[in-house]
């Protein structure tokens, strides 16, 4: 199997201790957090350009482990910011807990994340949603998954699928991410 880098893409305000993204970085070699310019005042253009720079800088193929606003960043990046060379480096993306920019709980400090691009993503993806996510409902997540050509996973009532969700190391999510990489390497 081809060695790859997993770019970890947290959402608004970053992912702290106990979050599955932080735990994965600690437990697994090759996981690298993309440091966004401003975690508390996200701007789509700055976040997407930062993601493009991270993909370009990687000497290996990449996969994305995205949470919340990191998922929308991946969608906008693929639709509007990525070079053909960068897109060719992407093995797949795990997109967890999509926030709905039209929802009442969407961060008012985040700008440029609507309307969400609804074109097929040019790499394999899995969208994971919770039935009681306060930032994005099942219908919104399903609409995005269908438009993007993503596999769909609903994991029950787990809130925003973050540190408060009690997932620990979240082996199931890690297996979904690994299956994307295997599929790309084998296909």
Protein backbone atom coordinates (compact mmCIF):
# COMPACT_ATOMS: atom_id res chain seq x y z
CA UNK A 1 0.00 0.00 0.00
CA UNK A 2 1.17 3.52 -0.80
CA UNK A 3 2.25 5.50 2.24
CA UNK A 4 0.24 8.66 2.70
CA UNK A 5 -0.17 11.63 4.98
CA UNK A 6 -3.49 12.17 6.72
CA UNK A 7 -4.25 15.87 6.88
CA UNK A 8 -6.37 16.54 9.97
CA UNK A 9 -8.86 19.37 9.39
CA UNK A 10 -10.62 20.54 12.56
CA UNK A 11 -13.52 22.93 12.52
CA UNK A 12 -14.34 26.19 14.24
CA UNK A 13 -12.15 26.80 17.31
CA UNK A 14 -9.91 23.77 16.54
CA UNK A 15 -10.14 20.31 18.13
CA UNK A 16 -8.89 20.05 21.69
CA UNK A 17 -7.83 17.26 24.00
CA UNK A 18 -10.10 14.24 23.95
CA UNK A 19 -11.33 14.93 20.41
CA UNK A 20 -10.92 11.91 18.11
CA UNK A 21 -8.84 14.04 15.71
CA UNK A 22 -6.34 14.95 18.43
CA UNK A 23 -6.24 11.35 19.66
CA UNK A 24 -5.56 10.06 16.14
CA UNK A 25 -2.65 12.48 15.76
CA UNK A 26 -1.17 11.18 19.02
CA UNK A 27 -1.73 7.50 18.20
CA UNK A 28 -0.86 7.26 14.51
CA UNK A 29 2.23 8.33 12.60
CA UNK A 30 1.59 10.34 9.45
CA UNK A 31 -1.33 12.38 10.84
CA UNK A 32 -0.71 16.13 10.55
CA UNK A 33 -3.02 18.93 11.63
CA UNK A 34 -3.50 21.72 9.11
CA UNK A 35 -3.00 24.91 11.13
CA UNK A 36 -5.59 27.40 9.96
CA UNK A 37 -4.82 31.14 10.14
CA UNK A 38 -7.61 31.96 12.62
CA UNK A 39 -9.55 29.20 14.37
CA UNK A 40 -12.00 31.63 16.01
CA UNK A 41 -12.85 33.74 12.93
CA UNK A 42 -12.76 31.33 9.98
CA UNK A 43 -12.72 32.82 6.50
CA UNK A 44 -13.33 30.37 3.65
CA UNK A 45 -10.73 31.90 1.34
CA UNK A 46 -7.95 31.78 3.94
CA UNK A 47 -8.84 28.25 5.06
CA UNK A 48 -9.01 26.90 1.49
CA UNK A 49 -5.72 28.53 0.49
CA UNK A 50 -4.11 27.08 3.62
CA UNK A 51 -5.42 23.63 2.68
CA UNK A 52 -4.09 23.98 -0.88
CA UNK A 53 -0.65 24.91 0.49
CA UNK A 54 -0.68 21.86 2.81
CA UNK A 55 -1.57 19.48 -0.05
CA UNK A 56 1.08 21.01 -2.32
CA UNK A 57 3.70 20.75 0.45
CA UNK A 58 3.05 17.06 1.07
CA UNK A 59 5.63 14.78 -0.51
CA UNK A 60 3.16 11.89 -0.33
CA UNK A 61 -0.46 11.31 -1.31
CA UNK A 62 -2.93 12.68 1.23
CA UNK A 63 -6.23 11.76 2.85
CA UNK A 64 -8.38 14.14 4.85
CA UNK A 65 -9.80 13.53 8.33
CA UNK A 66 -12.19 16.49 8.50
CA UNK A 67 -14.59 17.58 11.21
CA UNK A 68 -17.34 20.20 11.05
CA UNK A 69 -16.15 23.36 9.28
CA UNK A 70 -13.14 21.35 8.06
CA UNK A 71 -15.61 19.35 5.93
CA UNK A 72 -16.98 22.47 4.26
CA UNK A 73 -13.40 23.60 3.69
CA UNK A 74 -12.69 20.35 1.82
CA UNK A 75 -15.81 20.81 -0.35
CA UNK A 76 -15.00 24.43 -1.24
CA UNK A 77 -11.32 23.62 -1.78
CA UNK A 78 -12.14 20.80 -4.21
CA UNK A 79 -14.72 22.90 -6.08
CA UNK A 80 -12.92 26.24 -6.31
CA UNK A 81 -9.34 26.28 -5.03
CA UNK A 82 -7.55 23.02 -5.78
CA UNK A 83 -5.15 22.65 -8.68
CA UNK A 84 -5.40 19.53 -10.84
CA UNK A 85 -2.04 18.43 -9.43
CA UNK A 86 -3.31 18.79 -5.85
CA UNK A 87 -6.53 16.91 -6.57
CA UNK A 88 -4.53 14.04 -8.03
CA UNK A 89 -2.77 13.60 -4.67
CA UNK A 90 -5.98 13.00 -2.67
CA UNK A 91 -6.80 9.40 -1.77
CA UNK A 92 -10.06 10.26 0.00
CA UNK A 93 -11.79 12.17 2.76
CA UNK A 94 -13.62 11.29 5.95
CA UNK A 95 -16.14 14.13 6.43
CA UNK A 96 -17.61 14.12 9.94
CA UNK A 97 -20.41 16.29 11.39
CA UNK A 98 -21.20 18.68 8.54
CA UNK A 99 -22.44 22.03 9.85
CA UNK A 100 -25.29 23.70 8.01
CA UNK A 101 -24.39 27.34 7.18
CA UNK A 102 -28.10 28.22 7.11
CA UNK A 103 -28.68 26.74 10.57
CA UNK A 104 -29.27 28.88 13.66
CA UNK A 105 -26.23 27.39 15.45
CA UNK A 106 -23.72 28.08 12.64
CA UNK A 107 -20.88 30.25 14.01
CA UNK A 108 -21.57 33.92 13.21
CA UNK A 109 -17.79 34.51 13.06
CA UNK A 110 -17.40 32.14 10.08
CA UNK A 111 -17.60 33.83 6.70
CA UNK A 112 -17.91 32.64 3.12
CA UNK A 113 -19.11 29.09 3.78
CA UNK A 114 -22.49 29.41 2.03
CA UNK A 115 -23.87 28.27 -0.25
CA UNK A 116 -22.18 24.88 0.09
CA UNK A 117 -20.95 23.49 -3.26
CA UNK A 118 -23.07 20.53 -4.28
CA UNK A 119 -20.97 19.08 -7.10
CA UNK A 120 -19.47 15.58 -6.99
CA UNK A 121 -16.13 15.47 -5.21
CA UNK A 122 -13.31 14.07 -7.36
CA UNK A 123 -12.08 11.57 -4.74
CA UNK A 124 -13.78 8.96 -2.51
CA UNK A 125 -15.52 10.30 0.55
CA UNK A 126 -17.50 9.12 3.55
CA UNK A 127 -19.94 11.49 5.27
CA UNK A 128 -20.63 10.66 8.92
CA UNK A 129 -23.57 12.21 10.77
CA UNK A 130 -25.24 12.07 14.16
CA UNK A 131 -29.00 12.14 14.66
CA UNK A 132 -28.78 14.92 17.27
CA UNK A 133 -26.03 17.18 15.91
CA UNK A 134 -26.98 20.75 16.91
CA UNK A 135 -24.96 22.22 14.02
CA UNK A 136 -26.27 20.15 11.12
CA UNK A 137 -29.21 17.86 10.67
CA UNK A 138 -29.51 14.53 8.91
CA UNK A 139 -31.36 16.00 5.86
CA UNK A 140 -28.55 18.51 5.22
CA UNK A 141 -25.84 15.86 5.62
CA UNK A 142 -27.69 13.44 3.34
CA UNK A 143 -28.16 16.13 0.69
CA UNK A 144 -24.42 16.88 0.73
CA UNK A 145 -23.47 13.19 0.71
CA UNK A 146 -25.72 12.50 -2.28
CA UNK A 147 -24.45 15.52 -4.24
CA UNK A 148 -20.80 14.77 -3.45
CA UNK A 149 -21.08 11.06 -4.33
CA UNK A 150 -20.15 10.12 -0.76
CA UNK A 151 -20.80 6.97 1.19
CA UNK A 152 -23.15 7.67 4.09
CA UNK A 153 -22.80 6.64 7.74
CA UNK A 154 -25.24 7.59 10.49
CA UNK A 155 -23.95 6.78 13.98
CA UNK A 156 -26.96 7.49 16.18
CA UNK A 157 -27.21 10.19 18.84
CA UNK A 158 -23.60 11.39 19.24
CA UNK A 159 -24.05 15.16 19.25
CA UNK A 160 -21.48 17.02 17.16
CA UNK A 161 -19.22 13.92 17.02
CA UNK A 162 -16.53 15.63 19.07
CA UNK A 163 -14.81 15.14 22.43
CA UNK A 164 -18.18 15.33 24.22
CA UNK A 165 -19.50 12.38 22.17
CA UNK A 166 -17.60 9.74 24.16
CA UNK A 167 -15.99 8.12 21.12
CA UNK A 168 -12.50 7.77 22.60
CA UNK A 169 -10.07 6.69 19.88
CA UNK A 170 -13.06 6.07 17.55
CA UNK A 171 -11.75 2.96 15.83
CA UNK A 172 -14.79 2.74 13.54
CA UNK A 173 -14.07 6.18 12.06
CA UNK A 174 -10.40 5.30 11.64
CA UNK A 175 -11.41 2.12 9.76
CA UNK A 176 -13.62 4.14 7.41
CA UNK A 177 -10.72 6.47 6.72
CA UNK A 178 -8.37 3.52 6.10
CA UNK A 179 -10.88 1.94 3.70
CA UNK A 180 -10.82 5.08 1.56
CA UNK A 181 -7.05 4.89 1.26
CA UNK A 182 -7.17 1.16 0.42
CA UNK A 183 -9.81 1.76 -2.23
CA UNK A 184 -7.75 4.51 -3.87
CA UNK A 185 -4.55 2.46 -3.76
CA UNK A 186 -6.29 -0.62 -5.14
CA UNK A 187 -8.32 1.23 -7.78
